Amino acid sequence: MGQLGFVRFAIAIVVAGCMMSSAMDAALAAHKAKAQANPSSPDALYLHCRSVIFRKYGRSSGDGRRFIDRTRMVELADHCVRNGGRI
């Protein structure tokens, strides 16, 4: 009976973990849905795209600054602006 109790306990832990994981995914999706609307002016949209690209693709220098290859930055920024602020 002791081994059966352990199996039930292990199954309960796995089920609880799966439920928590799906709840966290739902919370993340809700957080992303609340994101601000993309700017409408071309200059503001370009600045928005640059900041999003640095956050997503930039390499950290260790002192809080992020770096990205200049050619790649231009390609990604152009793509983002063409798509209305979506990468």
N, C-alpha and C. Protein backbone atom coordinates (compact mmCIF):
# COMPACT_ATOMS: atom_id res chain seq x y z
N MET A 1 0.82 -1.21 0.00
CA MET A 1 0.00 0.00 0.00
C MET A 1 0.86 1.27 0.00
N GLY A 2 2.08 1.19 0.56
CA GLY A 2 2.96 2.34 0.61
C GLY A 2 3.41 2.79 -0.76
N GLN A 3 3.71 1.84 -1.63
CA GLN A 3 4.17 2.19 -2.97
C GLN A 3 3.03 2.80 -3.78
N LEU A 4 1.81 2.32 -3.59
CA LEU A 4 0.65 2.87 -4.30
C LEU A 4 0.39 4.32 -3.87
N GLY A 5 0.57 4.61 -2.59
CA GLY A 5 0.41 5.97 -2.09
C GLY A 5 1.43 6.91 -2.71
N PHE A 6 2.67 6.43 -2.86
CA PHE A 6 3.71 7.23 -3.48
C PHE A 6 3.39 7.53 -4.94
N VAL A 7 2.86 6.53 -5.66
CA VAL A 7 2.50 6.72 -7.06
C VAL A 7 1.39 7.76 -7.19
N ARG A 8 0.40 7.67 -6.32
CA ARG A 8 -0.70 8.66 -6.34
C ARG A 8 -0.17 10.06 -6.05
N PHE A 9 0.75 10.15 -5.09
CA PHE A 9 1.33 11.44 -4.74
C PHE A 9 2.11 12.01 -5.93
N ALA A 10 2.89 11.17 -6.60
CA ALA A 10 3.67 11.60 -7.75
C ALA A 10 2.75 12.07 -8.88
N ILE A 11 1.68 11.35 -9.13
CA ILE A 11 0.72 11.75 -10.17
C ILE A 11 0.07 13.08 -9.82
N ALA A 12 -0.26 13.28 -8.54
CA ALA A 12 -0.87 14.54 -8.11
C ALA A 12 0.10 15.70 -8.33
N ILE A 13 1.37 15.50 -8.06
CA ILE A 13 2.36 16.56 -8.26
C ILE A 13 2.47 16.91 -9.74
N VAL A 14 2.50 15.89 -10.61
CA VAL A 14 2.61 16.13 -12.05
C VAL A 14 1.39 16.88 -12.56
N VAL A 15 0.21 16.50 -12.13
CA VAL A 15 -1.03 17.16 -12.56
C VAL A 15 -1.04 18.61 -12.09
N ALA A 16 -0.64 18.84 -10.85
CA ALA A 16 -0.61 20.22 -10.32
C ALA A 16 0.38 21.06 -11.11
N GLY A 17 1.53 20.49 -11.45
CA GLY A 17 2.52 21.21 -12.24
C GLY A 17 2.00 21.59 -13.61
N CYS A 18 1.29 20.66 -14.24
CA CYS A 18 0.71 20.95 -15.56
C CYS A 18 -0.33 22.06 -15.47
N MET A 19 -1.14 22.03 -14.42
CA MET A 19 -2.17 23.07 -14.25
C MET A 19 -1.52 24.43 -14.02
N MET A 20 -0.46 24.47 -13.24
CA MET A 20 0.22 25.74 -12.98
C MET A 20 0.88 26.26 -14.25
N SER A 21 1.44 25.36 -15.04
CA SER A 21 2.08 25.75 -16.29
C SER A 21 1.08 26.38 -17.24
N SER A 22 -0.09 25.77 -17.38
CA SER A 22 -1.09 26.32 -18.29
C SER A 22 -1.63 27.65 -17.77
N ALA A 23 -1.73 27.80 -16.45
CA ALA A 23 -2.19 29.07 -15.89
C ALA A 23 -1.16 30.17 -16.15
N MET A 24 0.12 29.83 -16.06
CA MET A 24 1.17 30.82 -16.33
C MET A 24 1.17 31.21 -17.80
N ASP A 25 0.93 30.25 -18.69
CA ASP A 25 0.86 30.56 -20.12
C ASP A 25 -0.30 31.51 -20.41
N ALA A 26 -1.43 31.27 -19.74
CA ALA A 26 -2.60 32.14 -19.94
C ALA A 26 -2.31 33.54 -19.42
N ALA A 27 -1.61 33.65 -18.30
CA ALA A 27 -1.28 34.96 -17.75
C ALA A 27 -0.32 35.70 -18.68
N LEU A 28 0.63 34.99 -19.26
CA LEU A 28 1.57 35.61 -20.19
C LEU A 28 0.84 36.11 -21.44
N ALA A 29 -0.10 35.31 -21.94
CA ALA A 29 -0.87 35.72 -23.12
C ALA A 29 -1.70 36.96 -22.81
N ALA A 30 -2.29 37.01 -21.62
CA ALA A 30 -3.08 38.18 -21.24
C ALA A 30 -2.20 39.41 -21.12
N HIS A 31 -0.98 39.22 -20.60
CA HIS A 31 -0.05 40.35 -20.47
C HIS A 31 0.35 40.87 -21.85
N LYS A 32 0.62 39.98 -22.79
CA LYS A 32 0.99 40.41 -24.13
C LYS A 32 -0.17 41.10 -24.83
N ALA A 33 -1.41 40.68 -24.53
CA ALA A 33 -2.58 41.28 -25.17
C ALA A 33 -2.77 42.73 -24.70
N LYS A 34 -2.28 43.06 -23.49
CA LYS A 34 -2.43 44.40 -22.96
C LYS A 34 -1.35 45.36 -23.46
N ALA A 35 -0.50 44.90 -24.34
CA ALA A 35 0.60 45.74 -24.84
C ALA A 35 0.05 47.00 -25.50
N GLN A 36 0.85 48.03 -25.48
CA GLN A 36 0.42 49.30 -26.05
C GLN A 36 0.29 49.20 -27.56
N ALA A 37 -0.58 50.05 -28.09
CA ALA A 37 -0.75 50.10 -29.55
C ALA A 37 0.51 50.69 -30.19
N ASN A 38 0.78 50.28 -31.40
CA ASN A 38 1.96 50.78 -32.11
C ASN A 38 1.74 52.25 -32.50
N PRO A 39 2.80 53.04 -32.47
CA PRO A 39 2.67 54.46 -32.84
C PRO A 39 2.23 54.64 -34.29
N SER A 40 1.59 55.75 -34.56
CA SER A 40 1.08 55.97 -35.92
C SER A 40 2.04 56.80 -36.78
N SER A 41 2.83 57.69 -36.17
CA SER A 41 3.74 58.50 -36.99
C SER A 41 4.94 57.65 -37.40
N PRO A 42 5.49 57.88 -38.59
CA PRO A 42 6.60 57.06 -39.08
C PRO A 42 7.84 57.11 -38.18
N ASP A 43 8.17 58.31 -37.67
CA ASP A 43 9.35 58.43 -36.81
C ASP A 43 9.16 57.67 -35.50
N ALA A 44 7.99 57.81 -34.90
CA ALA A 44 7.72 57.11 -33.64
C ALA A 44 7.68 55.59 -33.87
N LEU A 45 7.15 55.18 -35.01
CA LEU A 45 7.10 53.75 -35.33
C LEU A 45 8.51 53.19 -35.49
N TYR A 46 9.39 53.93 -36.14
CA TYR A 46 10.78 53.50 -36.31
C TYR A 46 11.48 53.36 -34.96
N LEU A 47 11.28 54.33 -34.08
CA LEU A 47 11.89 54.26 -32.75
C LEU A 47 11.33 53.09 -31.95
N HIS A 48 10.03 52.86 -32.08
CA HIS A 48 9.40 51.72 -31.41
C HIS A 48 10.01 50.41 -31.91
N CYS A 49 10.16 50.29 -33.21
CA CYS A 49 10.74 49.07 -33.79
C CYS A 49 12.17 48.87 -33.32
N ARG A 50 12.96 49.94 -33.28
CA ARG A 50 14.34 49.80 -32.81
C ARG A 50 14.40 49.31 -31.37
N SER A 51 13.56 49.83 -30.51
CA SER A 51 13.60 49.41 -29.10
C SER A 51 13.16 47.96 -28.95
N VAL A 52 12.14 47.56 -29.72
CA VAL A 52 11.68 46.17 -29.66
C VAL A 52 12.77 45.22 -30.19
N ILE A 53 13.44 45.61 -31.26
CA ILE A 53 14.50 44.77 -31.83
C ILE A 53 15.67 44.64 -30.86
N PHE A 54 16.07 45.73 -30.22
CA PHE A 54 17.16 45.64 -29.26
C PHE A 54 16.79 44.73 -28.09
N ARG A 55 15.54 44.83 -27.61
CA ARG A 55 15.12 43.96 -26.52
C ARG A 55 15.11 42.50 -26.92
N LYS A 56 14.67 42.23 -28.15
CA LYS A 56 14.50 40.84 -28.58
C LYS A 56 15.80 40.21 -29.09
N TYR A 57 16.56 40.94 -29.90
CA TYR A 57 17.71 40.35 -30.59
C TYR A 57 19.07 40.86 -30.10
N GLY A 58 19.09 41.89 -29.28
CA GLY A 58 20.37 42.47 -28.87
C GLY A 58 21.12 41.57 -27.90
N ARG A 59 22.45 41.63 -28.00
CA ARG A 59 23.31 40.89 -27.08
C ARG A 59 23.70 41.82 -25.94
N SER A 60 23.65 41.31 -24.72
CA SER A 60 23.97 42.12 -23.56
C SER A 60 25.48 42.30 -23.45
N SER A 61 25.89 43.52 -23.09
CA SER A 61 27.31 43.79 -22.91
C SER A 61 27.73 43.58 -21.46
N GLY A 62 26.78 43.35 -20.58
CA GLY A 62 27.07 43.13 -19.17
C GLY A 62 26.87 44.37 -18.31
N ASP A 63 26.83 45.53 -18.92
CA ASP A 63 26.64 46.76 -18.15
C ASP A 63 25.28 47.41 -18.42
N GLY A 64 24.34 46.63 -18.91
CA GLY A 64 23.00 47.13 -19.17
C GLY A 64 22.76 47.58 -20.60
N ARG A 65 23.82 47.65 -21.40
CA ARG A 65 23.66 48.05 -22.79
C ARG A 65 23.52 46.81 -23.66
N ARG A 66 22.87 46.97 -24.79
CA ARG A 66 22.67 45.84 -25.71
C ARG A 66 23.23 46.22 -27.07
N PHE A 67 23.78 45.22 -27.77
CA PHE A 67 24.39 45.44 -29.07
C PHE A 67 23.77 44.52 -30.10
N ILE A 68 23.73 45.00 -31.35
CA ILE A 68 23.27 44.18 -32.47
C ILE A 68 24.03 44.65 -33.72
N ASP A 69 24.28 43.75 -34.64
CA ASP A 69 24.98 44.08 -35.87
C ASP A 69 24.20 45.15 -36.64
N ARG A 70 24.89 46.15 -37.15
CA ARG A 70 24.24 47.29 -37.80
C ARG A 70 23.41 46.86 -39.01
N THR A 71 23.96 45.98 -39.86
CA THR A 71 23.24 45.53 -41.05
C THR A 71 21.97 44.79 -40.65
N ARG A 72 22.09 43.92 -39.65
CA ARG A 72 20.92 43.15 -39.18
C ARG A 72 19.88 44.10 -38.57
N MET A 73 20.34 45.13 -37.88
CA MET A 73 19.43 46.09 -37.27
C MET A 73 18.61 46.81 -38.33
N VAL A 74 19.27 47.23 -39.41
CA VAL A 74 18.57 47.94 -40.50
C VAL A 74 17.55 47.01 -41.15
N GLU A 75 17.95 45.76 -41.41
CA GLU A 75 17.02 44.80 -42.03
C GLU A 75 15.79 44.58 -41.15
N LEU A 76 16.02 44.34 -39.86
CA LEU A 76 14.90 44.08 -38.95
C LEU A 76 14.02 45.31 -38.76
N ALA A 77 14.64 46.50 -38.70
CA ALA A 77 13.85 47.72 -38.53
C ALA A 77 12.98 47.99 -39.76
N ASP A 78 13.55 47.80 -40.94
CA ASP A 78 12.76 47.98 -42.17
C ASP A 78 11.58 47.01 -42.21
N HIS A 79 11.86 45.77 -41.85
CA HIS A 79 10.81 44.75 -41.84
C HIS A 79 9.71 45.12 -40.84
N CYS A 80 10.12 45.57 -39.67
CA CYS A 80 9.16 45.93 -38.62
C CYS A 80 8.30 47.12 -39.05
N VAL A 81 8.91 48.13 -39.64
CA VAL A 81 8.16 49.32 -40.08
C VAL A 81 7.19 48.94 -41.19
N ARG A 82 7.63 48.09 -42.14
CA ARG A 82 6.74 47.65 -43.22
C ARG A 82 5.54 46.90 -42.68
N ASN A 83 5.71 46.18 -41.57
CA ASN A 83 4.62 45.40 -40.99
C ASN A 83 3.87 46.13 -39.89
N GLY A 84 4.03 47.41 -39.82
CA GLY A 84 3.25 48.21 -38.87
C GLY A 84 3.67 48.04 -37.42
N GLY A 85 4.92 47.69 -37.18
CA GLY A 85 5.40 47.57 -35.81
C GLY A 85 5.50 46.15 -35.30
N ARG A 86 5.20 45.19 -36.15
CA ARG A 86 5.31 43.78 -35.75
C ARG A 86 6.60 43.21 -36.29
N ILE A 87 7.30 42.46 -35.47
CA ILE A 87 8.55 41.83 -35.92
C ILE A 87 8.22 40.48 -36.52
